[in-house]
Amino acid sequence: MSGRKPAGLFGLNIFFAWNKSAADGVVSIGGVSKDMVRHAVRLQNKYDSSHYITMDSSGSRKSTTTIESPNGITIKTGQTQINPGASTLSIQVEKGNLDIEVMNGDFNVTADNFNVKCPKLKSLPDVDPYTGKILGGDLTAGNITFDAANSFDVKAPHVKITASKIADISAINVLRLMGDKTTEIISGICSMQSYSTRTGSPPDLFDNREENKAVPEEPDYSDYKPNTYQSVEQFNALSKEEQDNQMSRFN
């Protein structure tokens, strides 16, 4: 006996516990861990105590399965799957979040197609017909968010972004749009405002706002550097010798 006071069949007593140990591994039923959580079944590698599978049955981990594998886990399935489009490996979370954390490494996915869908809206807001204000509603679902500390890079022969309401693309420092061959901007009503518009004389397109009445300041060209960008057409227009001289700087 462990010396702990029995607390019923599903308490922390180990009167009905069973343990089978061999040279390579341990199978335990009804044991209690160091943090006072009872497990229904525990399978442990005897060569490495941190390599185990546990199904807990009490405390904060009740009905929770824990798998710890210090050197890796491999799951392989679908070798004989012949039905096209079948869900060969499915992970379903009925309530709560699905968290995947790669502490020191990359998260790599290789597939024929990579599809992400967030089709649910918790509740749509109502609009006051008299004031036009949005009332209630919960739009915390149906969103896709990317938050990168360095860069977000998309490379594809065709990139298409379609917004049914608003497409907002902004940059705090520089926003560059470049069509190496052709740039097309098609609009029903096009409104554009530059720095000179905000600080100089307003055009007829804008109202007579205070920021448009300001006297423009003399621009500071102290850190001006010539633009060294060269398009593909400009490079191809160079002579063979000039092209070789430019390419030699990168070798």
Protein backbone atom coordinates (compact mmCIF):
# COMPACT_ATOMS: atom_id res chain seq x y z
CA MET A 1 0.00 0.00 0.00
CA SER A 2 1.14 3.56 -0.64
CA GLY A 3 0.18 4.94 2.79
CA ARG A 4 -2.40 7.34 1.28
CA LYS A 5 -5.93 7.13 2.64
CA PRO A 6 -8.22 5.25 0.23
CA ALA A 7 -10.61 7.54 -1.61
CA GLY A 8 -12.92 5.05 -3.31
CA LEU A 9 -12.49 3.00 -6.48
CA PHE A 10 -11.74 6.09 -8.59
CA GLY A 11 -9.78 8.02 -5.94
CA LEU A 12 -6.02 7.98 -5.38
CA ASN A 13 -5.80 4.56 -3.71
CA ILE A 14 -3.83 1.90 -5.56
CA PHE A 15 -5.51 -1.11 -3.98
CA PHE A 16 -6.82 -2.22 -7.37
CA ALA A 17 -3.79 -1.02 -9.31
CA TRP A 18 -1.87 -3.44 -11.54
CA ASN A 19 1.65 -3.16 -12.86
CA LYS A 20 3.60 -5.42 -15.16
CA SER A 21 7.27 -4.75 -15.74
CA ALA A 22 9.72 -6.41 -18.09
CA ALA A 23 13.28 -5.67 -19.17
CA ASP A 24 12.15 -3.32 -21.95
CA GLY A 25 8.95 -1.67 -20.78
CA VAL A 26 6.25 -1.17 -18.15
CA VAL A 27 2.46 -1.44 -18.38
CA SER A 28 0.63 0.19 -15.47
CA ILE A 29 -3.10 0.25 -14.74
CA GLY A 30 -4.54 2.43 -11.99
CA GLY A 31 -1.27 3.98 -10.83
CA VAL A 32 -0.80 7.51 -9.46
CA SER A 33 1.74 10.02 -10.80
CA LYS A 34 3.94 12.30 -8.71
CA ASP A 35 1.54 15.24 -9.20
CA MET A 36 -1.32 13.20 -7.70
CA VAL A 37 -3.11 12.31 -10.96
CA ARG A 38 -4.39 8.78 -11.39
CA HIS A 39 -3.94 7.11 -14.75
CA ALA A 40 -6.15 4.42 -16.21
CA VAL A 41 -3.35 3.00 -18.39
CA ARG A 42 0.30 3.94 -18.83
CA LEU A 43 2.74 2.39 -21.31
CA GLN A 44 6.36 3.36 -20.68
CA ASN A 45 9.73 2.68 -22.24
CA LYS A 46 11.98 1.31 -19.49
CA TYR A 47 15.14 2.60 -21.18
CA ASP A 48 13.80 6.18 -21.24
CA SER A 49 11.33 7.35 -18.60
CA SER A 50 10.32 10.34 -20.76
CA HIS A 51 9.04 8.03 -23.52
CA TYR A 52 5.47 7.01 -22.65
CA ILE A 53 1.76 6.99 -23.44
CA THR A 54 -0.63 7.80 -20.58
CA MET A 55 -4.42 7.87 -20.32
CA ASP A 56 -5.23 9.81 -17.14
CA SER A 57 -8.46 9.37 -15.18
CA SER A 58 -8.47 12.02 -12.42
CA GLY A 59 -7.57 15.61 -11.57
CA SER A 60 -6.95 18.28 -14.19
CA ARG A 61 -5.96 15.64 -16.78
CA LYS A 62 -9.08 13.52 -16.43
CA SER A 63 -9.95 11.78 -19.73
CA THR A 64 -6.74 13.16 -21.26
CA THR A 65 -4.19 11.18 -23.26
CA THR A 66 -0.55 12.28 -23.13
CA ILE A 67 2.10 11.04 -25.57
CA GLU A 68 5.73 11.98 -25.10
CA SER A 69 8.41 10.80 -27.52
CA PRO A 70 11.84 12.45 -27.16
CA ASN A 71 13.18 11.39 -30.56
CA GLY A 72 10.12 11.62 -32.80
CA ILE A 73 6.80 10.13 -33.88
CA THR A 74 6.00 8.74 -37.35
CA ILE A 75 2.44 8.13 -38.52
CA LYS A 76 2.00 6.41 -41.88
CA THR A 77 -1.33 5.50 -43.39
CA GLY A 78 -3.19 5.16 -46.67
CA GLN A 79 -1.01 2.52 -48.34
CA THR A 80 -4.06 0.62 -49.64
CA GLN A 81 -6.49 3.56 -49.88
CA ILE A 82 -8.03 3.54 -53.37
CA ASN A 83 -10.97 5.93 -52.92
CA PRO A 84 -10.15 9.37 -54.41
CA GLY A 85 -10.69 12.26 -52.04
CA ALA A 86 -11.02 10.00 -48.99
CA SER A 87 -10.09 11.37 -45.54
CA THR A 88 -7.28 8.92 -44.85
CA LEU A 89 -6.00 10.75 -41.76
CA SER A 90 -8.52 12.95 -39.92
CA ILE A 91 -8.06 15.13 -36.85
CA GLN A 92 -11.33 16.51 -35.47
CA VAL A 93 -11.53 18.96 -32.58
CA GLU A 94 -15.17 19.27 -31.53
CA LYS A 95 -14.62 22.09 -29.02
CA GLY A 96 -11.58 24.22 -28.25
CA ASN A 97 -8.44 24.97 -30.24
CA LEU A 98 -5.97 22.88 -32.23
CA ASP A 99 -2.50 24.15 -31.28
CA ILE A 100 0.66 23.13 -33.16
CA GLU A 101 3.88 24.62 -31.80
CA VAL A 102 7.27 24.05 -33.44
CA MET A 103 9.71 25.38 -30.84
CA ASN A 104 12.94 25.10 -32.81
CA GLY A 105 12.39 24.21 -36.46
CA ASP A 106 10.14 24.67 -39.48
CA PHE A 107 6.52 23.73 -40.12
CA ASN A 108 6.53 22.11 -43.56
CA VAL A 109 3.53 20.90 -45.56
CA THR A 110 3.84 19.16 -48.95
CA ALA A 111 0.67 18.28 -50.84
CA ASP A 112 -1.04 18.37 -54.24
CA ASN A 113 -3.24 21.21 -52.97
CA PHE A 114 -3.30 23.14 -49.68
CA ASN A 115 -6.79 24.34 -48.75
CA VAL A 116 -7.72 26.43 -45.71
CA LYS A 117 -11.35 27.28 -44.96
CA CYS A 118 -12.96 29.32 -42.19
CA PRO A 119 -16.60 29.19 -43.28
CA LYS A 120 -18.32 29.82 -39.95
CA LEU A 121 -19.65 33.10 -38.58
CA LYS A 122 -20.76 32.96 -34.95
CA SER A 123 -23.51 35.55 -35.49
CA LEU A 124 -24.09 38.30 -38.02
CA PRO A 125 -24.61 41.85 -36.73
CA ASP A 126 -27.86 43.78 -37.14
CA VAL A 127 -28.06 47.30 -38.55
CA ASP A 128 -30.25 49.97 -36.98
CA PRO A 129 -32.50 51.15 -39.85
CA TYR A 130 -32.70 54.68 -38.39
CA THR A 131 -29.07 55.40 -37.40
CA GLY A 132 -27.21 52.88 -39.54
CA LYS A 133 -25.19 51.70 -36.52
CA ILE A 134 -24.09 48.08 -36.28
CA LEU A 135 -25.78 46.32 -33.38
CA GLY A 136 -24.52 43.14 -31.75
CA GLY A 137 -23.05 40.33 -33.75
CA ASP A 138 -19.87 38.31 -33.22
CA LEU A 139 -17.39 38.35 -36.09
CA THR A 140 -14.55 36.64 -34.20
CA ALA A 141 -14.97 33.57 -36.41
CA GLY A 142 -14.40 33.19 -40.14
CA ASN A 143 -11.00 34.93 -40.14
CA ILE A 144 -7.53 33.90 -41.38
CA THR A 145 -4.57 35.72 -39.82
CA PHE A 146 -0.85 35.58 -40.64
CA ASP A 147 1.51 37.26 -38.18
CA ALA A 148 5.18 37.10 -39.21
CA ALA A 149 8.12 38.78 -37.47
CA ASN A 150 10.15 39.11 -40.67
CA SER A 151 8.52 38.58 -44.06
CA PHE A 152 5.55 37.07 -45.88
CA ASP A 153 6.51 35.78 -49.31
CA VAL A 154 4.12 34.41 -51.96
CA LYS A 155 5.48 32.96 -55.22
CA ALA A 156 3.20 31.56 -57.91
CA PRO A 157 2.62 31.93 -61.67
CA HIS A 158 -0.84 33.33 -60.94
CA VAL A 159 -1.89 35.20 -57.79
CA LYS A 160 -5.51 36.29 -57.39
CA ILE A 161 -7.06 38.19 -54.47
CA THR A 162 -10.81 38.82 -54.56
CA ALA A 163 -12.70 40.74 -51.89
CA SER A 164 -16.50 40.96 -51.96
CA LYS A 165 -16.44 44.21 -49.95
CA ILE A 166 -13.06 45.89 -49.34
CA ALA A 167 -9.46 45.04 -50.28
CA ASP A 168 -7.13 47.16 -48.14
CA ILE A 169 -3.39 47.03 -48.92
CA SER A 170 -1.24 49.48 -46.96
CA ALA A 171 2.40 49.95 -46.02
CA ILE A 172 3.78 52.15 -43.24
CA ASN A 173 6.95 52.93 -45.20
CA VAL A 174 6.95 52.02 -48.90
CA LEU A 175 4.19 50.54 -51.06
CA ARG A 176 5.59 49.41 -54.40
CA LEU A 177 3.46 48.18 -57.30
CA MET A 178 5.45 47.04 -60.31
CA GLY A 179 4.40 45.42 -63.54
CA ASP A 180 7.64 44.59 -65.31
CA LYS A 181 5.86 44.73 -68.65
CA THR A 182 2.43 46.28 -68.06
CA THR A 183 0.60 47.83 -65.10
CA GLU A 184 -3.16 48.15 -65.38
CA ILE A 185 -5.38 50.07 -62.95
CA ILE A 186 -9.07 49.84 -63.83
CA SER A 187 -11.61 51.68 -61.70
CA GLY A 188 -15.14 53.03 -61.77
CA ILE A 189 -14.21 56.09 -59.70
CA CYS A 190 -10.50 56.62 -59.06
CA SER A 191 -9.34 58.96 -56.27
CA MET A 192 -5.62 59.43 -55.64
CA GLN A 193 -3.89 61.75 -53.18
CA SER A 194 -0.13 62.31 -52.99
CA TYR A 195 2.13 64.09 -50.52
CA SER A 196 2.14 67.21 -52.68
CA THR A 197 -1.67 67.15 -52.69
CA ARG A 198 -1.83 67.07 -48.91
CA THR A 199 0.65 69.91 -48.41
CA GLY A 200 0.30 71.94 -51.61
CA SER A 201 -2.56 73.39 -53.63
CA PRO A 202 -5.60 71.08 -53.60
CA PRO A 203 -6.92 69.86 -56.97
CA ASP A 204 -10.56 70.15 -57.94
CA LEU A 205 -11.05 66.50 -57.02
CA PHE A 206 -10.74 67.15 -53.27
CA ASP A 207 -12.60 69.38 -50.88
CA ASN A 208 -10.90 72.44 -49.36
CA ARG A 209 -9.59 70.74 -46.21
CA GLU A 210 -7.16 72.40 -43.81
CA GLU A 211 -4.33 70.04 -44.67
CA ASN A 212 -4.65 71.08 -48.30
CA LYS A 213 -4.19 74.77 -47.37
CA ALA A 214 -0.79 74.24 -45.76
CA VAL A 215 2.24 75.83 -47.36
CA PRO A 216 4.45 73.12 -48.84
CA GLU A 217 7.86 72.72 -47.26
CA GLU A 218 11.08 72.48 -49.20
CA PRO A 219 11.88 68.78 -49.57
CA ASP A 220 15.08 67.48 -48.02
CA TYR A 221 17.33 65.81 -50.59
CA SER A 222 20.30 65.30 -48.26
CA ASP A 223 19.90 61.51 -48.28
CA TYR A 224 18.85 61.27 -51.92
CA LYS A 225 20.33 58.37 -53.86
CA PRO A 226 19.85 57.71 -57.58
CA ASN A 227 17.45 54.90 -58.42
CA THR A 228 19.53 51.91 -59.54
CA TYR A 229 16.58 49.68 -60.36
CA GLN A 230 16.76 48.14 -63.81
CA SER A 231 13.90 46.34 -65.52
CA VAL A 232 14.27 43.22 -67.65
CA GLU A 233 13.68 45.24 -70.82
CA GLN A 234 16.44 47.71 -69.85
CA PHE A 235 18.88 44.87 -69.18
CA ASN A 236 18.07 43.15 -72.48
CA ALA A 237 18.64 46.44 -74.30
CA LEU A 238 22.28 46.53 -73.13
CA SER A 239 25.10 45.21 -75.22
CA LYS A 240 26.52 41.77 -74.49
CA GLU A 241 29.62 43.34 -72.94
CA GLU A 242 27.56 45.60 -70.66
CA GLN A 243 25.42 42.65 -69.58
CA ASP A 244 28.55 40.59 -68.76
CA ASN A 245 30.01 43.47 -66.72
CA GLN A 246 26.84 43.75 -64.64
CA MET A 247 26.57 40.00 -64.06
CA SER A 248 30.25 39.79 -63.01
CA ARG A 249 29.45 41.94 -59.94
CA PHE A 250 27.29 39.14 -58.57
CA ASN A 251 29.83 36.36 -59.11
